[in-house]
Protein backbone atom coordinates (compact mmCIF):
# COMPACT_ATOMS: atom_id res chain seq x y z
CA UNK A 1 0.00 0.00 0.00
CA UNK A 2 1.41 3.41 -0.95
CA UNK A 3 1.82 6.16 1.64
CA UNK A 4 -1.04 8.09 0.12
CA UNK A 5 -3.36 5.06 0.19
CA UNK A 6 -2.35 4.42 3.77
CA UNK A 7 -3.19 8.01 4.73
CA UNK A 8 -6.61 7.75 3.07
CA UNK A 9 -7.30 4.57 5.07
CA UNK A 10 -6.23 6.22 8.34
CA UNK A 11 -8.37 9.27 7.65
CA UNK A 12 -11.35 7.03 6.86
CA UNK A 13 -11.25 5.78 10.45
CA UNK A 14 -8.63 3.04 10.53
CA UNK A 15 -6.45 4.91 13.03
CA UNK A 16 -4.58 1.74 13.99
CA UNK A 17 -2.87 1.85 10.57
CA UNK A 18 -0.80 4.81 11.75
CA UNK A 19 1.49 2.20 13.27
CA UNK A 20 2.46 1.32 9.70
CA UNK A 21 3.56 4.94 9.17
CA UNK A 22 5.72 4.59 12.28
CA UNK A 23 7.19 1.34 11.01
CA UNK A 24 8.02 2.89 7.64
CA UNK A 25 9.56 6.15 8.82
CA UNK A 26 10.57 6.08 12.48
CA UNK A 27 14.17 5.03 11.89
CA UNK A 28 14.68 7.45 8.97
CA UNK A 29 13.26 10.38 10.91
CA UNK A 30 15.31 9.52 14.01
CA UNK A 31 18.54 9.38 11.99
CA UNK A 32 17.65 12.68 10.30
CA UNK A 33 16.88 14.49 13.57
CA UNK A 34 19.99 13.05 15.22
CA UNK A 35 22.13 14.39 12.39
CA UNK A 36 20.53 17.82 12.65
CA UNK A 37 20.96 17.86 16.42
CA UNK A 38 24.61 16.79 16.51
CA UNK A 39 23.73 13.28 17.60
CA UNK A 40 22.27 14.34 20.91
CA UNK A 41 20.26 11.18 21.55
CA UNK A 42 17.57 12.60 23.83
CA UNK A 43 16.94 15.62 21.58
CA UNK A 44 16.75 13.38 18.51
CA UNK A 45 14.28 11.07 20.19
CA UNK A 46 12.21 14.01 21.43
CA UNK A 47 12.11 15.58 17.96
CA UNK A 48 11.17 12.24 16.42
CA UNK A 49 8.37 11.62 18.93
CA UNK A 50 6.98 15.11 18.43
CA UNK A 51 7.17 14.64 14.67
CA UNK A 52 4.89 11.63 14.76
CA UNK A 53 2.49 13.16 17.29
CA UNK A 54 2.12 16.26 15.11
CA UNK A 55 1.84 14.20 11.95
CA UNK A 56 -0.97 12.16 13.48
CA UNK A 57 -2.80 15.21 14.81
CA UNK A 58 -2.46 17.08 11.50
CA UNK A 59 -2.91 14.20 9.09
CA UNK A 60 -6.10 15.70 7.70
CA UNK A 61 -4.03 18.71 6.60
CA UNK A 62 -1.67 16.63 4.47
CA UNK A 63 -1.78 17.83 0.86
CA UNK A 64 -1.71 14.91 -1.51
CA UNK A 65 0.12 17.06 -4.06
CA UNK A 66 3.25 16.53 -1.93
CA UNK A 67 5.06 13.32 -1.17
CA UNK A 68 4.08 12.11 2.29
CA UNK A 69 7.73 11.59 3.21
CA UNK A 70 8.53 15.22 2.32
CA UNK A 71 5.66 16.40 4.52
CA UNK A 72 6.90 14.22 7.38
CA UNK A 73 10.49 15.43 6.96
CA UNK A 74 9.22 19.02 7.06
CA UNK A 75 7.60 18.36 10.43
CA UNK A 76 10.82 16.70 11.66
CA UNK A 77 12.84 19.67 10.40
CA UNK A 78 10.60 22.08 12.32
CA UNK A 79 10.81 20.02 15.49
CA UNK A 80 14.61 19.84 15.31
CA UNK A 81 14.79 23.61 14.70
CA UNK A 82 12.56 24.22 17.73
CA UNK A 83 14.91 22.17 19.89
CA UNK A 84 17.91 24.05 18.49
CA UNK A 85 16.27 27.36 19.33
CA UNK A 86 15.76 26.17 22.90
CA UNK A 87 19.45 25.43 23.20
CA UNK A 88 20.58 28.40 21.15
CA UNK A 89 23.30 29.20 23.64
CA UNK A 90 25.47 26.79 21.64
CA UNK A 91 27.65 28.44 19.03
CA UNK A 92 27.53 26.97 15.54
CA UNK A 93 30.56 27.61 13.36
CA UNK A 94 30.86 28.16 9.65
CA UNK A 95 32.66 25.41 7.82
CA UNK A 96 35.46 27.87 7.02
CA UNK A 97 36.15 28.29 10.73
CA UNK A 98 36.65 24.60 11.31
CA UNK A 99 37.96 22.46 8.48
CA UNK A 100 41.38 22.79 6.86
CA UNK A 101 42.67 20.56 4.10
CA UNK A 102 39.62 18.34 3.81
CA UNK A 103 37.52 19.12 0.75
CA UNK A 104 38.66 18.81 -2.88
CA UNK A 105 39.56 21.82 -5.01
CA UNK A 106 37.24 20.89 -7.87
CA UNK A 107 33.86 22.49 -8.52
CA UNK A 108 32.20 19.13 -7.94
CA UNK A 109 31.28 17.93 -4.48
CA UNK A 110 33.07 14.68 -3.80
CA UNK A 111 31.16 13.11 -0.98
CA UNK A 112 33.50 12.55 1.96
CA UNK A 113 33.36 9.38 4.00
CA UNK A 114 30.40 9.15 6.34
CA UNK A 115 32.64 9.51 9.37
CA UNK A 116 34.35 12.65 8.04
CA UNK A 117 31.06 14.14 6.91
CA UNK A 118 29.50 13.57 10.34
CA UNK A 119 32.42 15.42 11.96
CA UNK A 120 31.96 18.35 9.58
CA UNK A 121 28.20 18.42 10.07
CA UNK A 122 28.62 18.69 13.81
CA UNK A 123 30.36 22.04 13.32
CA UNK A 124 28.03 23.60 10.74
CA UNK A 125 25.24 26.06 11.20
CA UNK A 126 21.89 24.27 11.25
CA UNK A 127 20.79 25.56 7.84
CA UNK A 128 23.94 24.33 6.08
CA UNK A 129 23.89 21.05 8.00
CA UNK A 130 20.27 20.48 7.07
CA UNK A 131 20.90 20.98 3.35
CA UNK A 132 23.89 18.66 3.29
CA UNK A 133 22.14 16.01 5.36
CA UNK A 134 19.07 16.02 3.16
CA UNK A 135 20.96 15.91 -0.13
CA UNK A 136 23.99 13.76 0.65
CA UNK A 137 22.93 11.51 3.51
CA UNK A 138 19.17 11.25 3.13
CA UNK A 139 19.62 11.32 -0.67
CA UNK A 140 16.61 13.55 -1.22
CA UNK A 141 16.12 15.16 -4.61
CA UNK A 142 16.12 18.93 -5.07
CA UNK A 143 12.33 18.70 -5.48
CA UNK A 144 11.93 16.85 -2.19
CA UNK A 145 14.22 19.27 -0.37
CA UNK A 146 12.24 22.12 -1.87
CA UNK A 147 9.05 20.63 -0.42
CA UNK A 148 10.66 20.03 2.98
CA UNK A 149 12.24 23.47 3.34
CA UNK A 150 9.50 25.39 1.52
CA UNK A 151 11.98 26.99 -0.89
CA UNK A 152 12.14 26.84 -4.67
CA UNK A 153 14.27 24.19 -6.33
CA UNK A 154 16.46 26.95 -7.78
CA UNK A 155 17.04 28.42 -4.33
CA UNK A 156 17.94 24.98 -2.99
CA UNK A 157 20.38 24.41 -5.85
CA UNK A 158 22.06 27.80 -5.26
CA UNK A 159 22.32 27.25 -1.49
CA UNK A 160 23.74 23.77 -2.01
CA UNK A 161 26.28 25.08 -4.54
CA UNK A 162 27.37 27.83 -2.14
CA UNK A 163 27.84 25.33 0.65
CA UNK A 164 30.02 23.24 -1.64
CA UNK A 165 32.05 26.29 -2.71
CA UNK A 166 32.73 27.19 0.92
CA UNK A 167 33.75 23.61 1.61
CA UNK A 168 36.22 23.35 -1.29
CA UNK A 169 38.34 26.21 0.05
CA UNK A 170 39.98 23.78 2.42
CA UNK A 171 42.03 21.66 0.12
């Protein structure tokens, strides 16, 4: 059953089917929120829980013109940002302040190893981290990221290119 069919069934009164949504997406959303929140386990779990509570409560507001997963990731993004705001006393650094000699000098983004990328992500501002996580780790398309972040695909492409340009300075 597709996500959209599942949502229709849930909205028609089969509320118990929401467990299937949890089974499909809980791990993905947890990994995503953990990456956004610098792997702070409790914050990631809190953001994930709140994501599914809000998704359930607002399921009737889901627009079928979007992918369900993009809608769910948008809720997760908002929850992670809310947690970050609560702990805003932490200072997030620009990539240029942290990494030296890591990224390639080419115009293309050569994806670093997962371990190296996770170290870099921990130092980035939330907006840059979110873009890189969505594109490179979650492997979302520009269209999906556009739906999640509520920005045009062109804006996403420009922001992603700028993040890569900043990164390549550290060859």
